[in-house]
Every structure is written in structure tokens, then in C-alpha cells.
C-alpha atoms as a PDB file:
ATOM      1  CA  MET A   1      -5.140  20.655   5.623  1.00  0.00           C
ATOM      2  CA  GLU A   2      -6.170  17.056   6.276  1.00  0.00           C
ATOM      3  CA  LEU A   3      -4.482  14.389   4.115  1.00  0.00           C
ATOM      4  CA  THR A   4      -6.744  11.793   2.690  1.00  0.00           C
ATOM      5  CA  ALA A   5      -6.518   8.913   0.247  1.00  0.00           C
ATOM      6  CA  ARG A   6      -8.759   6.160  -1.194  1.00  0.00           C
ATOM      7  CA  ALA A   7      -8.048   2.519  -0.439  1.00  0.00           C
ATOM      8  CA  PHE A   8      -9.148  -0.670  -1.526  1.00  0.00           C
ATOM      9  CA  TRP A   9     -10.473  -2.936   1.248  1.00  0.00           C
ATOM     10  CA  LEU A  10     -11.669  -6.515   0.923  1.00  0.00           C
ATOM     11  CA  SER A  11     -14.866  -6.160   3.044  1.00  0.00           C
ATOM     12  CA  SER A  12     -15.745  -9.901   3.032  1.00  0.00           C
ATOM     13  CA  PRO A  13     -14.432 -12.741   0.818  1.00  0.00           C
ATOM     14  CA  GLY A  14     -15.287 -11.969  -2.729  1.00  0.00           C
ATOM     15  CA  HIS A  15     -16.481  -8.332  -2.028  1.00  0.00           C
ATOM     16  CA  ALA A  16     -14.599  -5.229  -1.997  1.00  0.00           C
ATOM     17  CA  GLU A  17     -15.093  -1.478  -1.529  1.00  0.00           C
ATOM     18  CA  ILE A  18     -13.146   1.768  -1.852  1.00  0.00           C
ATOM     19  CA  ARG A  19     -12.666   3.516   1.604  1.00  0.00           C
ATOM     20  CA  GLU A  20     -11.566   6.995   2.350  1.00  0.00           C
ATOM     21  CA  VAL A  21      -8.859   7.053   4.790  1.00  0.00           C
ATOM     22  CA  ALA A  22      -7.320   9.811   6.819  1.00  0.00           C
ATOM     23  CA  LEU A  23      -3.356   9.973   6.517  1.00  0.00           C
ATOM     24  CA  PRO A  24      -0.885  11.371   9.129  1.00  0.00           C
ATOM     25  CA  ALA A  25       1.311  14.292   8.053  1.00  0.00           C
ATOM     26  CA  PRO A  26       4.726  12.912   7.268  1.00  0.00           C
ATOM     27  CA  GLY A  27       7.185  13.373  10.037  1.00  0.00           C
ATOM     28  CA  GLU A  28      11.007  13.247  10.167  1.00  0.00           C
ATOM     29  CA  GLY A  29      12.340  10.414   8.362  1.00  0.00           C
ATOM     30  CA  GLU A  30       9.075   9.657   6.391  1.00  0.00           C
ATOM     31  CA  VAL A  31       7.637  10.381   2.820  1.00  0.00           C
ATOM     32  CA  LEU A  32       4.341  10.911   1.370  1.00  0.00           C
ATOM     33  CA  VAL A  33       3.902   9.103  -1.744  1.00  0.00           C
ATOM     34  CA  ARG A  34       1.170   9.503  -4.572  1.00  0.00           C
ATOM     35  CA  THR A  35       0.565   6.235  -6.231  1.00  0.00           C
ATOM     36  CA  LEU A  36       1.169   6.230  -9.993  1.00  0.00           C
ATOM     37  CA  TYR A  37       0.844   2.265 -10.403  1.00  0.00           C
ATOM     38  CA  SER A  38      -0.479  -0.489  -8.191  1.00  0.00           C
ATOM     39  CA  GLY A  39       0.250  -3.959  -9.335  1.00  0.00           C
ATOM     40  CA  VAL A  40      -2.084  -7.094  -8.506  1.00  0.00           C
ATOM     41  CA  SER A  41      -0.496 -10.375  -8.050  1.00  0.00           C
ATOM     42  CA  ARG A  42      -2.740 -12.815  -9.810  1.00  0.00           C
ATOM     43  CA  GLY A  43      -2.131 -15.649  -7.413  1.00  0.00           C
ATOM     44  CA  THR A  44      -1.675 -14.398  -4.055  1.00  0.00           C
ATOM     45  CA  GLU A  45      -4.284 -11.594  -4.225  1.00  0.00           C
ATOM     46  CA  THR A  46      -6.787 -13.986  -5.885  1.00  0.00           C
ATOM     47  CA  LEU A  47      -6.314 -16.218  -2.879  1.00  0.00           C
ATOM     48  CA  VAL A  48      -6.833 -13.326  -0.557  1.00  0.00           C
ATOM     49  CA  PHE A  49      -9.907 -11.831  -2.405  1.00  0.00           C
ATOM     50  CA  ARG A  50     -11.550 -15.410  -2.270  1.00  0.00           C
ATOM     51  CA  GLY A  51     -10.938 -15.680   1.511  1.00  0.00           C
ATOM     52  CA  GLY A  52      -8.766 -18.686   0.757  1.00  0.00           C
ATOM     53  CA  VAL A  53      -5.741 -17.888   2.927  1.00  0.00           C
ATOM     54  CA  PRO A  54      -5.164 -21.002   4.997  1.00  0.00           C
ATOM     55  CA  GLU A  55      -5.209 -20.130   8.737  1.00  0.00           C
ATOM     56  CA  SER A  56      -1.729 -21.653   9.179  1.00  0.00           C
ATOM     57  CA  GLN A  57      -0.455 -19.030   6.596  1.00  0.00           C
ATOM     58  CA  HIS A  58      -2.046 -15.923   8.019  1.00  0.00           C
ATOM     59  CA  ALA A  59       1.307 -14.702   9.662  1.00  0.00           C
ATOM     60  CA  SER A  60       3.606 -15.620   6.679  1.00  0.00           C
ATOM     61  CA  MET A  61       1.235 -13.978   4.146  1.00  0.00           C
ATOM     62  CA  ARG A  62       0.853 -10.740   6.059  1.00  0.00           C
ATOM     63  CA  ALA A  63       2.041  -7.892   3.850  1.00  0.00           C
ATOM     64  CA  PRO A  64       4.326  -5.281   5.350  1.00  0.00           C
ATOM     65  CA  PHE A  65       1.650  -2.370   5.651  1.00  0.00           C
ATOM     66  CA  GLN A  66      -1.513  -4.487   5.582  1.00  0.00           C
ATOM     67  CA  ASP A  67      -4.354  -3.270   7.799  1.00  0.00           C
ATOM     68  CA  GLY A  68      -6.975  -5.788   9.070  1.00  0.00           C
ATOM     69  CA  ASP A  69      -6.775  -9.426   8.952  1.00  0.00           C
ATOM     70  CA  PHE A  70      -7.627 -12.469   6.877  1.00  0.00           C
ATOM     71  CA  PRO A  71     -10.066 -13.384   5.692  1.00  0.00           C
ATOM     72  CA  ALA A  72     -11.515  -9.831   6.046  1.00  0.00           C
ATOM     73  CA  PRO A  73     -12.029  -7.018   6.402  1.00  0.00           C
ATOM     74  CA  VAL A  74      -8.391  -6.515   5.063  1.00  0.00           C
ATOM     75  CA  LYS A  75      -6.425  -3.797   3.131  1.00  0.00           C
ATOM     76  CA  TYR A  76      -3.788  -5.978   1.104  1.00  0.00           C
ATOM     77  CA  GLY A  77      -1.230  -5.458  -1.559  1.00  0.00           C
ATOM     78  CA  TYR A  78       2.518  -5.028  -1.860  1.00  0.00           C
ATOM     79  CA  LEU A  79       3.072  -3.604  -5.461  1.00  0.00           C
ATOM     80  CA  SER A  80       3.106   0.116  -5.405  1.00  0.00           C
ATOM     81  CA  VAL A  81       4.952   2.651  -7.766  1.00  0.00           C
ATOM     82  CA  GLY A  82       4.591   6.167  -6.899  1.00  0.00           C
ATOM     83  CA  GLN A  83       5.966   9.745  -6.694  1.00  0.00           C
ATOM     84  CA  VAL A  84       7.386  11.250  -3.512  1.00  0.00           C
ATOM     85  CA  GLU A  85       5.167  14.496  -2.888  1.00  0.00           C
ATOM     86  CA  GLU A  86       6.644  15.220   0.510  1.00  0.00           C
ATOM     87  CA  GLY A  87       9.921  14.329   2.240  1.00  0.00           C
ATOM     88  CA  PRO A  88      13.708  15.068   1.761  1.00  0.00           C
ATOM     89  CA  ALA A  89      14.342  17.549  -0.861  1.00  0.00           C
ATOM     90  CA  GLY A  90      16.576  14.767  -2.790  1.00  0.00           C
ATOM     91  CA  LEU A  91      13.382  12.565  -3.007  1.00  0.00           C
ATOM     92  CA  ARG A  92      10.675  14.908  -3.878  1.00  0.00           C
ATOM     93  CA  GLY A  93       9.466  14.231  -7.289  1.00  0.00           C
ATOM     94  CA  ARG A  94      11.211  10.884  -7.430  1.00  0.00           C
ATOM     95  CA  THR A  95       9.659   7.760  -8.475  1.00  0.00           C
ATOM     96  CA  VAL A  96       9.690   5.064  -5.855  1.00  0.00           C
ATOM     97  CA  PHE A  97       8.594   1.400  -5.296  1.00  0.00           C
ATOM     98  CA  CYS A  98       7.038   0.482  -2.005  1.00  0.00           C
ATOM     99  CA  LEU A  99       5.577  -2.687  -0.593  1.00  0.00           C
ATOM    100  CA  TYR A 100       2.156  -0.905   0.056  1.00  0.00           C
ATOM    101  CA  PRO A 101      -1.581  -1.974  -0.264  1.00  0.00           C
ATOM    102  CA  HIS A 102      -3.720  -0.623  -3.124  1.00  0.00           C
ATOM    103  CA  GLN A 103      -4.117   3.088  -1.988  1.00  0.00           C
ATOM    104  CA  THR A 104      -3.927   6.430  -3.884  1.00  0.00           C
ATOM    105  CA  ARG A 105      -1.579   7.908  -1.339  1.00  0.00           C
ATOM    106  CA  TYR A 106       0.309   6.945   1.792  1.00  0.00           C
ATOM    107  CA  VAL A 107       2.991   7.985   4.304  1.00  0.00           C
ATOM    108  CA  VAL A 108       5.820   5.454   4.909  1.00  0.00           C
ATOM    109  CA  PRO A 109       9.351   5.452   6.644  1.00  0.00           C
ATOM    110  CA  LEU A 110      11.995   6.497   4.337  1.00  0.00           C
ATOM    111  CA  SER A 111      13.481   2.960   4.572  1.00  0.00           C
ATOM    112  CA  ALA A 112      10.314   1.401   3.019  1.00  0.00           C
ATOM    113  CA  VAL A 113      10.903   3.068  -0.459  1.00  0.00           C
ATOM    114  CA  THR A 114      13.376   2.271  -3.076  1.00  0.00           C
ATOM    115  CA  VAL A 115      14.093   4.928  -5.865  1.00  0.00           C
ATOM    116  CA  VAL A 116      13.095   3.647  -9.331  1.00  0.00           C
ATOM    117  CA  PRO A 117      15.956   4.543 -11.762  1.00  0.00           C
ATOM    118  CA  ASP A 118      15.200   7.196 -14.287  1.00  0.00           C
ATOM    119  CA  SER A 119      16.180   4.663 -16.951  1.00  0.00           C
ATOM    120  CA  VAL A 120      13.396   2.310 -16.003  1.00  0.00           C
END
């Protein structure tokens, strides 16, 4: 079964679209996360959406799992909370935080997720 997800892409400054993307099967040391919440930074992401990231700041503003480049097309974001669907038994079903763009599901290394305590 092919894994797919929907991702928010800035296609050009001020214009966005939802794209279907293929996901790799998670390998050793990776997890598949289904997004529950994706936060939007009013300051940073507004700047990105408008195409206003200064060229001198392109490298420093690059998000850890960003695809594409500024000003566009780019898949940006870094505030994702989701549930582990596949991975080590101790993480399956757990809620995690990850610095991942706006996307419905994704595969990342175990080291990229932080477990959200049950009390939160």
C-alpha cells in the first residue's frame, strides 16, 4: 500500500495549494506520524507567505524539513503535533511534537520527535 499525505505548499508569493505527496515507508529508526495539529507562526509564516524573506536570511530561516526554496515554491512550517502510527512499539499511539511543515502525515527519524507528556 502506497502511503500518501496532503501538504500545504506556497506555490508563489501570496498563493498556496494543497498537494498530494507520496511518503516512503518508515525504515529502521523512523516513525510515521499522523498530524493532529499544525500551528502557524503569525510572524515568520506571514513573511514566508508574502515572499518577504530577505535573501540574506534564506539559510537561517530554512525549516528542518522544508522542501523547496524561498520565495517559492516552498513547503514550510515547524509546529506539528501528531500521533505515531508506525514505529517502535513504545511510541505507537503516542502524541509527539515535531518541527515539520504543514502536512497530514510524515516520516521522520526518531530523533526528530519529542513525546508530549500525557498531562499536557
